[in-house]
Amino acid sequence: MKKAFVIVIIGLLIVFGGIFGFKAFVNSKIAAAMAHMPPPVVTVSAARAEIAHWHPQLSAVASLTAIQGVDVTPQIAGNVTAIHFHSGQYVKAGTLLVQIDDSNQLAELASDQAQLRLAASNLHRTKQLMAIKAASQSQLDSDQASYQTDQAAIKNIQATLNKLAIRAPFSGYLGIRQVNIGQYLTPGTKIVDLQSWSPLYANFTLPQSDLQNIQVGTPVQVTTDALPGHTFSGKITALGSSVNSSTRQIDVQATIDNPKSQLRPGLFGELTVVRKQEEKVLVIPVSAMSYNTSGDYVYLIKKEKKDGKSHEVAVQQVVKPGKQRDGMVEILSGLKQGDQVVTAGQVKLVNGSLVTISTDK
């Protein structure tokens, strides 16, 4: 029994030994073949570090507001008898928007006008009598006062009528109508909002350290995700009278051109203050950068000789990036003008990989 068990064990050892030995033999052959194979060459895209001329910029988030914008409201209570506008309509200054019931005032105006005509007639008669010394000065003064009182009464009722006929105080775009015919309005009830869209104010803040770099007339540019691909120009028109003692920020207001009325009040956007000075910076495409907590780097393409042949090799180069603009990033250190860096294909690279530069555009 023991002899048979030993024979089985020996047989198994021979079988497994053969299997593992054969696998080790195959692996050694593969390793030997790989050792004699040339290293793989990775195709990448590349660009050279170059000098660009940038205007120093200050960035901020701006809120757009109308230069003129109000909620149209009545000054006198009453029922709405007519609505003369549509929501979203453009109106000119003085356009009649809403009529509030003015029937009582019209009746009163007719009475006052009749009273004025009588006062005018009495005054004219008294003047004629005075000419022949048939009336006293006191009578003339009394008729003159009555005439002026009736004139003032008519002006007062006409002012009331003007307030009941609610008109656009300036040209602009109306919002959504908030009232209906027959509705009773009290003073302050919102009828519709009216906004002027061109130009617009852009309100933003900058830290006190930037105060020396801004002044009235400094150009600005605004972009917003509501209108991607569009840039709107303007200039700073006002600075806050003081720096906020809590945030150490200063309020700044710019006026933005909006000739096609594409922007609207209430939008926010990215605002850039463009300074007049120009500076030289070393830049590369943003796509060349690899960001890492241990240090940002690029793959720098260098020429090396191996086995008597010249090869292009990708070498990791730690760099210090600066500002970004228009798809380019400023390099503060780590590269020099003319250095060639990989812009596409980095995921296939390791330090020292052989590369070939693609000629496809």
Protein backbone atom coordinates (compact mmCIF):
# COMPACT_ATOMS: atom_id res chain seq x y z
CA MET A 1 0.00 0.00 0.00
CA LYS A 2 2.74 2.40 0.96
CA LYS A 3 4.70 1.45 -2.14
CA ALA A 4 1.76 2.31 -4.43
CA PHE A 5 1.29 5.68 -2.66
CA VAL A 6 4.95 6.57 -3.16
CA ILE A 7 4.73 5.64 -6.85
CA VAL A 8 1.70 7.95 -7.31
CA ILE A 9 3.49 10.83 -5.59
CA ILE A 10 6.56 10.36 -7.74
CA GLY A 11 4.40 10.25 -10.87
CA LEU A 12 2.65 13.48 -9.94
CA LEU A 13 5.96 15.18 -9.26
CA ILE A 14 7.22 14.14 -12.65
CA VAL A 15 4.07 15.38 -14.43
CA PHE A 16 3.88 18.77 -12.66
CA GLY A 17 7.61 19.21 -12.86
CA GLY A 18 7.41 18.73 -16.58
CA ILE A 19 4.56 21.20 -16.93
CA PHE A 20 6.23 23.94 -14.87
CA GLY A 21 9.58 23.27 -16.45
CA PHE A 22 8.12 23.60 -19.94
CA LYS A 23 6.36 26.84 -18.97
CA ALA A 24 9.58 28.25 -17.53
CA PHE A 25 11.39 27.26 -20.71
CA VAL A 26 8.77 29.01 -22.88
CA ASN A 27 8.89 32.15 -20.71
CA SER A 28 12.65 32.31 -20.95
CA LYS A 29 12.47 32.07 -24.71
CA ILE A 30 9.83 34.84 -24.84
CA ALA A 31 11.93 37.04 -22.57
CA ALA A 32 14.98 36.45 -24.71
CA ALA A 33 13.00 37.34 -27.84
CA MET A 34 11.60 40.48 -26.23
CA ALA A 35 15.06 41.53 -25.11
CA HIS A 36 16.22 41.56 -28.70
CA MET A 37 13.12 43.35 -30.01
CA PRO A 38 13.43 47.13 -30.63
CA PRO A 39 11.50 49.29 -28.13
CA PRO A 40 8.07 50.47 -29.38
CA VAL A 41 7.85 53.91 -30.95
CA VAL A 42 4.80 56.01 -29.93
CA THR A 43 3.26 58.44 -32.41
CA VAL A 44 2.47 61.79 -30.78
CA SER A 45 1.60 65.37 -31.69
CA ALA A 46 3.94 68.13 -30.64
CA ALA A 47 4.33 71.91 -30.49
CA ARG A 48 7.16 74.27 -29.65
CA ALA A 49 7.30 76.69 -26.74
CA GLU A 50 7.06 80.20 -28.17
CA ILE A 51 7.04 83.80 -27.05
CA ALA A 52 3.65 85.54 -27.08
CA HIS A 53 2.74 89.16 -26.37
CA TRP A 54 -0.03 89.32 -23.80
CA HIS A 55 -1.77 92.29 -22.26
CA PRO A 56 -1.93 91.85 -18.48
CA GLN A 57 -5.49 91.05 -17.49
CA LEU A 58 -7.60 91.14 -14.36
CA SER A 59 -10.53 88.73 -14.12
CA ALA A 60 -13.78 88.99 -12.16
CA VAL A 61 -17.36 87.76 -12.16
CA ALA A 62 -19.72 90.54 -13.25
CA SER A 63 -23.45 90.99 -12.90
CA LEU A 64 -25.26 92.80 -15.70
CA THR A 65 -27.86 95.41 -14.84
CA ALA A 66 -29.91 97.84 -16.89
CA ILE A 67 -28.83 101.45 -16.99
CA GLN A 68 -32.55 102.19 -16.75
CA GLY A 69 -34.94 99.62 -15.31
CA VAL A 70 -38.16 99.98 -13.29
CA ASP A 71 -41.30 98.17 -12.23
CA VAL A 72 -44.15 100.20 -13.73
CA THR A 73 -46.74 100.88 -10.98
CA PRO A 74 -49.77 103.15 -10.54
CA GLN A 75 -49.71 106.23 -8.33
CA ILE A 76 -53.50 106.38 -7.91
CA ALA A 77 -55.85 103.51 -7.10
CA GLY A 78 -58.51 102.44 -9.59
CA ASN A 79 -59.81 99.78 -11.96
CA VAL A 80 -57.94 98.93 -15.16
CA THR A 81 -60.09 99.91 -18.14
CA ALA A 82 -57.60 99.27 -20.97
CA ILE A 83 -54.24 97.60 -21.57
CA HIS A 84 -52.24 98.88 -24.55
CA PHE A 85 -49.17 96.61 -24.58
CA HIS A 86 -48.08 93.01 -25.03
CA SER A 87 -45.60 91.12 -22.87
CA GLY A 88 -42.05 91.37 -24.23
CA GLN A 89 -42.86 94.33 -26.45
CA TYR A 90 -40.40 97.13 -27.19
CA VAL A 91 -41.92 100.52 -26.39
CA LYS A 92 -40.74 104.08 -26.80
CA ALA A 93 -40.76 106.66 -24.04
CA GLY A 94 -44.27 108.07 -23.53
CA THR A 95 -46.12 105.05 -24.96
CA LEU A 96 -49.48 104.50 -23.19
CA LEU A 97 -49.37 101.18 -21.35
CA VAL A 98 -52.42 101.02 -19.07
CA GLN A 99 -55.49 103.17 -18.58
CA ILE A 100 -57.07 103.34 -15.14
CA ASP A 101 -60.72 104.41 -14.80
CA ASP A 102 -60.81 108.20 -15.14
CA SER A 103 -64.54 108.79 -15.67
CA ASN A 104 -64.95 110.81 -12.47
CA GLN A 105 -61.94 112.95 -13.29
CA LEU A 106 -63.20 113.63 -16.83
CA ALA A 107 -66.54 114.80 -15.43
CA GLU A 108 -64.75 116.98 -12.95
CA LEU A 109 -62.57 118.38 -15.74
CA ALA A 110 -65.65 119.34 -17.76
CA SER A 111 -67.10 121.13 -14.70
CA ASP A 112 -63.84 122.94 -14.03
CA GLN A 113 -63.54 124.02 -17.66
CA ALA A 114 -67.05 125.50 -17.53
CA GLN A 115 -66.19 127.28 -14.31
CA LEU A 116 -63.03 128.64 -15.94
CA ARG A 117 -64.98 130.01 -18.88
CA LEU A 118 -67.35 131.77 -16.49
CA ALA A 119 -64.43 133.20 -14.50
CA ALA A 120 -62.79 134.41 -17.71
CA SER A 121 -66.04 136.11 -18.78
CA ASN A 122 -66.47 137.78 -15.37
CA LEU A 123 -62.86 138.97 -15.40
CA HIS A 124 -63.23 140.41 -18.89
CA ARG A 125 -66.43 142.25 -17.92
CA THR A 126 -64.89 143.67 -14.76
CA LYS A 127 -61.92 144.98 -16.74
CA GLN A 128 -64.27 146.78 -19.10
CA LEU A 129 -66.13 148.33 -16.17
CA MET A 130 -62.87 149.38 -14.59
CA ALA A 131 -61.99 151.23 -17.77
CA ILE A 132 -65.02 153.49 -17.28
CA LYS A 133 -64.58 153.49 -13.50
CA ALA A 134 -67.81 151.49 -12.99
CA ALA A 135 -66.18 148.73 -10.91
CA SER A 136 -63.92 148.71 -7.88
CA GLN A 137 -60.36 147.44 -7.65
CA SER A 138 -61.43 144.85 -5.08
CA GLN A 139 -63.94 143.41 -7.55
CA LEU A 140 -61.23 143.15 -10.18
CA ASP A 141 -58.88 141.45 -7.73
CA SER A 142 -61.59 139.00 -6.72
CA ASP A 143 -62.40 138.07 -10.32
CA GLN A 144 -58.69 137.74 -11.12
CA ALA A 145 -58.21 135.36 -8.16
CA SER A 146 -61.26 133.29 -9.18
CA TYR A 147 -59.90 132.96 -12.71
CA GLN A 148 -56.45 131.81 -11.49
CA THR A 149 -58.04 129.38 -9.00
CA ASP A 150 -60.09 127.78 -11.78
CA GLN A 151 -56.94 127.53 -13.94
CA ALA A 152 -55.11 125.75 -11.13
CA ALA A 153 -58.04 123.37 -10.62
CA ILE A 154 -57.88 122.34 -14.28
CA LYS A 155 -54.12 121.79 -14.07
CA ASN A 156 -54.66 119.65 -10.98
CA ILE A 157 -57.28 117.45 -12.61
CA GLN A 158 -55.16 117.13 -15.75
CA ALA A 159 -52.23 115.97 -13.60
CA THR A 160 -54.51 113.34 -12.06
CA LEU A 161 -55.63 112.23 -15.51
CA ASN A 162 -52.00 111.91 -16.61
CA LYS A 163 -51.31 109.66 -13.62
CA LEU A 164 -54.29 107.46 -14.50
CA ALA A 165 -52.92 107.06 -18.04
CA ILE A 166 -49.76 105.10 -17.22
CA ARG A 167 -47.02 105.58 -19.82
CA ALA A 168 -43.51 104.23 -20.40
CA PRO A 169 -41.05 106.55 -18.65
CA PHE A 170 -38.28 105.64 -21.11
CA SER A 171 -37.71 103.45 -24.16
CA GLY A 172 -37.04 99.77 -23.49
CA TYR A 173 -38.35 96.21 -23.41
CA LEU A 174 -41.35 95.19 -21.35
CA GLY A 175 -41.47 92.04 -19.27
CA ILE A 176 -44.48 89.83 -18.46
CA ARG A 177 -47.82 91.56 -17.90
CA GLN A 178 -48.98 91.25 -14.28
CA VAL A 179 -52.48 92.81 -14.46
CA ASN A 180 -55.80 92.25 -16.21
CA ILE A 181 -58.63 94.45 -17.42
CA GLY A 182 -61.07 95.16 -14.62
CA GLN A 183 -58.51 94.54 -11.90
CA TYR A 184 -58.45 97.04 -9.06
CA LEU A 185 -54.97 98.44 -8.57
CA THR A 186 -53.57 100.14 -5.52
CA PRO A 187 -50.52 102.42 -5.56
CA GLY A 188 -47.36 100.33 -5.92
CA THR A 189 -49.00 97.33 -7.62
CA LYS A 190 -46.61 95.95 -10.25
CA ILE A 191 -48.04 96.22 -13.75
CA VAL A 192 -44.96 95.20 -15.79
CA ASP A 193 -41.20 95.67 -15.63
CA LEU A 194 -39.45 97.87 -18.16
CA GLN A 195 -35.75 97.51 -18.94
CA SER A 196 -33.38 99.31 -21.27
CA TRP A 197 -30.94 96.79 -22.78
CA SER A 198 -28.41 98.92 -24.63
CA PRO A 199 -26.00 99.66 -23.16
CA LEU A 200 -25.82 97.71 -19.88
CA TYR A 201 -23.91 98.12 -16.64
CA ALA A 202 -21.50 95.35 -15.56
CA ASN A 203 -20.98 95.50 -11.78
CA PHE A 204 -18.05 93.63 -10.25
CA THR A 205 -15.44 93.85 -7.52
CA LEU A 206 -11.65 93.69 -7.49
CA PRO A 207 -9.21 93.34 -4.59
CA GLN A 208 -7.58 96.49 -3.27
CA SER A 209 -4.24 95.35 -4.68
CA ASP A 210 -5.62 95.93 -8.20
CA LEU A 211 -6.74 99.48 -7.50
CA GLN A 212 -3.57 100.92 -9.06
CA ASN A 213 -4.26 99.03 -12.31
CA ILE A 214 -7.79 100.31 -13.00
CA GLN A 215 -9.23 103.70 -13.80
CA VAL A 216 -12.20 105.21 -15.60
CA GLY A 217 -11.83 104.44 -19.30
CA THR A 218 -9.93 101.15 -18.89
CA PRO A 219 -11.22 98.64 -21.52
CA VAL A 220 -13.08 95.51 -20.42
CA GLN A 221 -14.47 92.43 -22.14
CA VAL A 222 -17.40 90.28 -21.01
CA THR A 223 -18.33 86.71 -21.91
CA THR A 224 -21.28 84.68 -20.65
CA ASP A 225 -22.29 81.04 -20.98
CA ALA A 226 -25.71 82.26 -22.13
CA LEU A 227 -24.04 83.33 -25.40
CA PRO A 228 -21.00 81.08 -25.89
CA GLY A 229 -18.47 82.32 -28.40
CA HIS A 230 -19.52 85.96 -28.08
CA THR A 231 -17.36 88.67 -26.51
CA PHE A 232 -18.80 92.06 -25.57
CA SER A 233 -16.61 95.11 -25.15
CA GLY A 234 -16.94 98.12 -22.90
CA LYS A 235 -15.01 100.31 -20.50
CA ILE A 236 -14.92 101.15 -16.82
CA THR A 237 -17.15 104.14 -16.11
CA ALA A 238 -17.16 104.34 -12.29
CA LEU A 239 -15.19 103.23 -9.24
CA GLY A 240 -16.53 102.85 -5.73
CA SER A 241 -15.87 105.76 -3.40
CA SER A 242 -14.26 103.45 -0.82
CA VAL A 243 -12.85 99.96 -0.31
CA ASN A 244 -15.09 97.55 1.60
CA SER A 245 -13.55 97.28 5.07
CA SER A 246 -14.71 93.66 5.47
CA THR A 247 -13.69 92.15 2.13
CA ARG A 248 -11.03 94.70 1.08
CA GLN A 249 -12.69 94.77 -2.32
CA ILE A 250 -13.59 97.84 -4.36
CA ASP A 251 -16.81 98.12 -6.35
CA VAL A 252 -16.30 98.76 -10.05
CA GLN A 253 -18.88 99.54 -12.73
CA ALA A 254 -18.33 99.18 -16.46
CA THR A 255 -20.62 100.11 -19.33
CA ILE A 256 -20.98 97.33 -21.91
CA ASP A 257 -22.07 97.84 -25.52
CA ASN A 258 -25.05 95.69 -26.47
CA PRO A 259 -25.98 96.92 -29.97
CA LYS A 260 -27.96 93.81 -30.97
CA SER A 261 -29.69 93.53 -27.57
CA GLN A 262 -28.30 90.02 -27.09
CA LEU A 263 -27.41 90.55 -23.44
CA ARG A 264 -30.10 91.03 -20.82
CA PRO A 265 -30.12 92.49 -17.33
CA GLY A 266 -29.59 89.88 -14.63
CA LEU A 267 -27.06 87.78 -16.55
CA PHE A 268 -23.69 87.12 -14.98
CA GLY A 269 -20.49 86.61 -16.91
CA GLU A 270 -16.73 86.49 -16.85
CA LEU A 271 -15.26 89.97 -17.09
CA THR A 272 -11.69 90.74 -18.09
CA VAL A 273 -10.03 94.09 -17.49
CA VAL A 274 -7.55 94.63 -20.33
CA ARG A 275 -4.60 96.77 -19.31
CA LYS A 276 -2.65 98.82 -21.86
CA GLN A 277 0.78 97.40 -21.04
CA GLU A 278 2.11 94.46 -23.02
CA GLU A 279 4.39 91.73 -21.70
CA LYS A 280 6.31 88.86 -23.30
CA VAL A 281 5.45 85.38 -22.01
CA LEU A 282 6.59 81.87 -22.89
CA VAL A 283 3.56 79.76 -23.82
CA ILE A 284 2.64 76.24 -24.86
CA PRO A 285 -0.74 74.65 -25.65
CA VAL A 286 -2.77 73.77 -22.56
CA SER A 287 -3.12 70.23 -23.91
CA ALA A 288 0.59 69.66 -23.30
CA MET A 289 0.24 70.04 -19.53
CA SER A 290 -0.07 67.11 -17.14
CA TYR A 291 -1.15 68.21 -13.67
CA ASN A 292 -0.04 66.25 -10.63
CA THR A 293 -0.02 66.87 -6.89
CA SER A 294 3.67 66.08 -6.81
CA GLY A 295 4.44 68.57 -9.59
CA ASP A 296 3.05 69.65 -12.96
CA TYR A 297 5.01 68.40 -15.94
CA VAL A 298 5.19 68.06 -19.71
CA TYR A 299 6.83 65.53 -21.96
CA LEU A 300 9.81 67.26 -23.52
CA ILE A 301 11.04 65.76 -26.81
CA LYS A 302 14.80 65.35 -26.92
CA LYS A 303 17.15 63.77 -29.45
CA GLU A 304 19.33 60.94 -28.14
CA LYS A 305 21.73 58.52 -29.84
CA LYS A 306 21.32 54.78 -29.30
CA ASP A 307 23.29 52.14 -31.15
CA GLY A 308 24.70 54.86 -33.38
CA LYS A 309 21.28 56.07 -34.41
CA SER A 310 19.47 59.28 -33.46
CA HIS A 311 16.12 58.82 -31.74
CA GLU A 312 13.48 61.21 -30.42
CA VAL A 313 12.74 60.51 -26.78
CA ALA A 314 9.95 61.86 -24.52
CA VAL A 315 11.33 62.95 -21.17
CA GLN A 316 9.22 64.17 -18.26
CA GLN A 317 10.04 67.79 -17.50
CA VAL A 318 8.67 69.52 -14.40
CA VAL A 319 7.36 73.02 -15.20
CA LYS A 320 5.68 75.88 -13.38
CA PRO A 321 2.55 77.02 -15.23
CA GLY A 322 1.07 80.51 -15.01
CA LYS A 323 -1.97 82.16 -16.55
CA GLN A 324 -4.10 80.54 -19.24
CA ARG A 325 -5.56 82.33 -22.25
CA ASP A 326 -7.09 81.23 -25.56
CA GLY A 327 -5.97 77.62 -25.22
CA MET A 328 -2.41 78.54 -24.24
CA VAL A 329 -0.71 78.41 -20.85
CA GLU A 330 2.14 80.56 -19.64
CA ILE A 331 5.28 78.69 -18.51
CA LEU A 332 7.12 80.48 -15.73
CA SER A 333 9.99 77.97 -15.44
CA GLY A 334 11.13 74.60 -16.77
CA LEU A 335 11.18 75.34 -20.50
CA LYS A 336 12.84 77.72 -22.93
CA GLN A 337 11.80 79.12 -26.27
CA GLY A 338 11.94 76.50 -29.04
CA ASP A 339 11.58 73.45 -26.76
CA GLN A 340 9.31 70.84 -28.31
CA VAL A 341 6.63 69.29 -26.10
CA VAL A 342 4.06 66.53 -26.61
CA THR A 343 0.51 67.89 -27.03
CA ALA A 344 -1.37 64.64 -27.71
CA GLY A 345 -0.64 60.99 -26.93
CA GLN A 346 0.77 61.44 -23.40
CA VAL A 347 -1.29 58.54 -22.01
CA LYS A 348 0.84 56.10 -24.01
CA LEU A 349 4.13 57.50 -22.75
CA VAL A 350 6.48 56.75 -19.91
CA ASN A 351 9.65 58.60 -19.12
CA GLY A 352 12.15 57.80 -21.89
CA SER A 353 9.66 56.49 -24.46
CA LEU A 354 10.74 56.62 -28.08
CA VAL A 355 8.39 58.84 -30.10
CA THR A 356 7.70 59.91 -33.63
CA ILE A 357 5.95 63.17 -34.34
CA SER A 358 2.75 62.96 -36.36
CA THR A 359 2.58 65.19 -39.42
CA ASP A 360 -1.25 65.18 -39.44
CA LYS A 361 -2.77 68.60 -38.80
